[in-house]
PDB file of N, CA and C in Angstrom:
ATOM      1  N   MET A   1     -50.007 132.494 127.423  1.00  0.00           N
ATOM      2  CA  MET A   1     -49.108 132.189 126.685  1.00  0.00           C
ATOM      3  C   MET A   1     -47.775 132.223 127.479  1.00  0.00           C
ATOM      4  N   LYS A   2     -47.585 133.000 128.389  1.00  0.00           N
ATOM      5  CA  LYS A   2     -46.448 132.959 129.436  1.00  0.00           C
ATOM      6  C   LYS A   2     -46.394 131.569 130.062  1.00  0.00           C
ATOM      7  N   ALA A   3     -47.499 131.080 130.480  1.00  0.00           N
ATOM      8  CA  ALA A   3     -47.718 129.777 131.014  1.00  0.00           C
ATOM      9  C   ALA A   3     -47.100 128.618 130.239  1.00  0.00           C
ATOM     10  N   ASP A   4     -47.307 128.762 128.821  1.00  0.00           N
ATOM     11  CA  ASP A   4     -46.914 127.995 127.954  1.00  0.00           C
ATOM     12  C   ASP A   4     -45.455 127.877 127.793  1.00  0.00           C
ATOM     13  N   ARG A   5     -44.862 129.169 127.818  1.00  0.00           N
ATOM     14  CA  ARG A   5     -43.271 129.059 127.701  1.00  0.00           C
ATOM     15  C   ARG A   5     -42.855 128.388 129.060  1.00  0.00           C
ATOM     16  N   LYS A   6     -43.407 128.608 130.198  1.00  0.00           N
ATOM     17  CA  LYS A   6     -42.785 127.868 131.515  1.00  0.00           C
ATOM     18  C   LYS A   6     -43.036 126.345 131.382  1.00  0.00           C
ATOM     19  N   GLN A   7     -44.209 125.964 130.790  1.00  0.00           N
ATOM     20  CA  GLN A   7     -44.628 124.654 130.589  1.00  0.00           C
ATOM     21  C   GLN A   7     -43.434 123.950 129.687  1.00  0.00           C
ATOM     22  N   MET A   8     -43.084 124.737 128.595  1.00  0.00           N
ATOM     23  CA  MET A   8     -42.260 124.145 127.768  1.00  0.00           C
ATOM     24  C   MET A   8     -40.642 123.944 128.287  1.00  0.00           C
ATOM     25  N   ILE A   9     -40.418 124.864 129.280  1.00  0.00           N
ATOM     26  CA  ILE A   9     -39.191 124.780 129.835  1.00  0.00           C
ATOM     27  C   ILE A   9     -39.149 123.689 130.828  1.00  0.00           C
ATOM     28  N   ILE A  10     -40.293 123.639 131.697  1.00  0.00           N
ATOM     29  CA  ILE A  10     -40.517 122.183 132.645  1.00  0.00           C
ATOM     30  C   ILE A  10     -40.266 121.113 131.841  1.00  0.00           C
ATOM     31  N   ARG A  11     -41.055 120.940 130.774  1.00  0.00           N
ATOM     32  CA  ARG A  11     -41.022 119.560 129.803  1.00  0.00           C
ATOM     33  C   ARG A  11     -39.460 119.272 129.546  1.00  0.00           C
ATOM     34  N   TYR A  12     -38.789 120.407 128.842  1.00  0.00           N
ATOM     35  CA  TYR A  12     -37.589 120.179 128.543  1.00  0.00           C
ATOM     36  C   TYR A  12     -36.581 119.718 129.745  1.00  0.00           C
ATOM     37  N   VAL A  13     -36.674 120.378 130.917  1.00  0.00           N
ATOM     38  CA  VAL A  13     -35.777 120.073 131.886  1.00  0.00           C
ATOM     39  C   VAL A  13     -36.110 118.664 132.426  1.00  0.00           C
ATOM     40  N   SER A  14     -37.512 118.308 132.292  1.00  0.00           N
ATOM     41  CA  SER A  14     -37.705 116.918 132.900  1.00  0.00           C
ATOM     42  C   SER A  14     -37.133 115.893 132.062  1.00  0.00           C
ATOM     43  N   GLU A  15     -36.845 116.455 130.631  1.00  0.00           N
ATOM     44  CA  GLU A  15     -36.336 115.320 129.466  1.00  0.00           C
ATOM     45  C   GLU A  15     -34.894 115.470 129.639  1.00  0.00           C
ATOM     46  N   ASN A  16     -34.299 116.522 129.943  1.00  0.00           N
ATOM     47  CA  ASN A  16     -32.891 116.664 129.693  1.00  0.00           C
ATOM     48  C   ASN A  16     -32.285 116.948 131.151  1.00  0.00           C
ATOM     49  N   GLY A  17     -32.840 117.268 132.025  1.00  0.00           N
ATOM     50  CA  GLY A  17     -32.062 117.451 133.443  1.00  0.00           C
ATOM     51  C   GLY A  17     -32.007 118.837 133.791  1.00  0.00           C
ATOM     52  N   SER A  18     -31.630 119.646 132.753  1.00  0.00           N
ATOM     53  CA  SER A  18     -31.451 121.134 133.021  1.00  0.00           C
ATOM     54  C   SER A  18     -31.659 121.731 131.755  1.00  0.00           C
ATOM     55  N   ILE A  19     -31.445 123.162 131.790  1.00  0.00           N
ATOM     56  CA  ILE A  19     -31.589 124.058 130.729  1.00  0.00           C
ATOM     57  C   ILE A  19     -30.888 125.338 130.808  1.00  0.00           C
ATOM     58  N   THR A  20     -30.023 125.739 129.686  1.00  0.00           N
ATOM     59  CA  THR A  20     -29.180 126.789 129.741  1.00  0.00           C
ATOM     60  C   THR A  20     -30.090 128.026 128.971  1.00  0.00           C
ATOM     61  N   ASN A  21     -29.643 129.128 129.249  1.00  0.00           N
ATOM     62  CA  ASN A  21     -30.252 130.365 128.893  1.00  0.00           C
ATOM     63  C   ASN A  21     -30.424 130.212 127.324  1.00  0.00           C
ATOM     64  N   LYS A  22     -29.170 129.646 126.645  1.00  0.00           N
ATOM     65  CA  LYS A  22     -29.040 129.671 125.194  1.00  0.00           C
ATOM     66  C   LYS A  22     -29.988 128.572 124.669  1.00  0.00           C
ATOM     67  N   GLU A  23     -30.211 127.261 125.432  1.00  0.00           N
ATOM     68  CA  GLU A  23     -31.098 126.474 125.068  1.00  0.00           C
ATOM     69  C   GLU A  23     -32.690 126.868 125.091  1.00  0.00           C
ATOM     70  N   ALA A  24     -32.825 127.690 126.218  1.00  0.00           N
ATOM     71  CA  ALA A  24     -34.110 128.290 126.263  1.00  0.00           C
ATOM     72  C   ALA A  24     -34.708 129.380 125.162  1.00  0.00           C
ATOM     73  N   LYS A  25     -33.423 129.930 124.897  1.00  0.00           N
ATOM     74  CA  LYS A  25     -33.785 131.057 123.827  1.00  0.00           C
ATOM     75  C   LYS A  25     -34.187 130.227 122.291  1.00  0.00           C
ATOM     76  N   GLU A  26     -33.304 129.197 122.264  1.00  0.00           N
ATOM     77  CA  GLU A  26     -33.601 128.526 121.045  1.00  0.00           C
ATOM     78  C   GLU A  26     -35.020 127.816 120.867  1.00  0.00           C
ATOM     79  N   LEU A  27     -35.344 127.265 121.927  1.00  0.00           N
ATOM     80  CA  LEU A  27     -36.535 126.481 122.248  1.00  0.00           C
ATOM     81  C   LEU A  27     -37.691 127.295 122.061  1.00  0.00           C
ATOM     82  N   LEU A  28     -37.600 128.628 122.767  1.00  0.00           N
ATOM     83  CA  LEU A  28     -38.829 129.349 122.648  1.00  0.00           C
ATOM     84  C   LEU A  28     -38.672 130.370 121.784  1.00  0.00           C
ATOM     85  N   ASP A  29     -37.727 130.740 120.875  1.00  0.00           N
ATOM     86  CA  ASP A  29     -37.253 131.661 119.895  1.00  0.00           C
ATOM     87  C   ASP A  29     -37.687 133.079 120.385  1.00  0.00           C
ATOM     88  N   LEU A  30     -36.980 133.287 121.581  1.00  0.00           N
ATOM     89  CA  LEU A  30     -37.202 134.622 122.175  1.00  0.00           C
ATOM     90  C   LEU A  30     -35.739 135.234 122.278  1.00  0.00           C
ATOM     91  N   ALA A  31     -35.632 136.593 122.576  1.00  0.00           N
ATOM     92  CA  ALA A  31     -34.389 137.091 122.946  1.00  0.00           C
ATOM     93  C   ALA A  31     -33.783 136.552 124.160  1.00  0.00           C
ATOM     94  N   ALA A  32     -32.545 136.578 124.363  1.00  0.00           N
ATOM     95  CA  ALA A  32     -31.855 135.959 125.421  1.00  0.00           C
ATOM     96  C   ALA A  32     -32.263 136.744 126.909  1.00  0.00           C
ATOM     97  N   SER A  33     -32.376 137.895 126.598  1.00  0.00           N
ATOM     98  CA  SER A  33     -32.827 138.775 127.942  1.00  0.00           C
ATOM     99  C   SER A  33     -34.162 138.483 128.503  1.00  0.00           C
ATOM    100  N   THR A  34     -34.932 137.893 127.629  1.00  0.00           N
ATOM    101  CA  THR A  34     -36.399 137.444 127.714  1.00  0.00           C
ATOM    102  C   THR A  34     -36.237 135.926 128.564  1.00  0.00           C
ATOM    103  N   THR A  35     -35.670 135.216 128.007  1.00  0.00           N
ATOM    104  CA  THR A  35     -35.603 134.038 128.545  1.00  0.00           C
ATOM    105  C   THR A  35     -34.862 133.959 129.790  1.00  0.00           C
ATOM    106  N   LYS A  36     -33.732 134.984 129.955  1.00  0.00           N
ATOM    107  CA  LYS A  36     -33.131 135.001 131.181  1.00  0.00           C
ATOM    108  C   LYS A  36     -34.261 135.358 132.283  1.00  0.00           C
ATOM    109  N   ARG A  37     -34.979 136.271 131.968  1.00  0.00           N
ATOM    110  CA  ARG A  37     -36.009 136.756 132.965  1.00  0.00           C
ATOM    111  C   ARG A  37     -37.026 135.444 133.384  1.00  0.00           C
ATOM    112  N   ILE A  38     -37.298 134.707 132.307  1.00  0.00           N
ATOM    113  CA  ILE A  38     -38.134 133.416 132.511  1.00  0.00           C
ATOM    114  C   ILE A  38     -37.702 132.661 133.484  1.00  0.00           C
ATOM    115  N   LEU A  39     -36.289 132.344 133.298  1.00  0.00           N
ATOM    116  CA  LEU A  39     -35.556 131.175 134.051  1.00  0.00           C
ATOM    117  C   LEU A  39     -35.334 131.853 135.440  1.00  0.00           C
ATOM    118  N   LYS A  40     -35.493 133.204 135.953  1.00  0.00           N
ATOM    119  CA  LYS A  40     -35.082 133.497 137.133  1.00  0.00           C
ATOM    120  C   LYS A  40     -36.114 132.995 138.202  1.00  0.00           C
TER     121      LYS A  40
END
């Protein structure tokens, strides 16, 4: 499941060039603190 999250972020970045924590939070429907940890 965690690999799926990272894959979704990678796909988003490849399509859009970058991702913010807010965008990741909305994309993954997770808490901001969780997405911040994933993006580190």
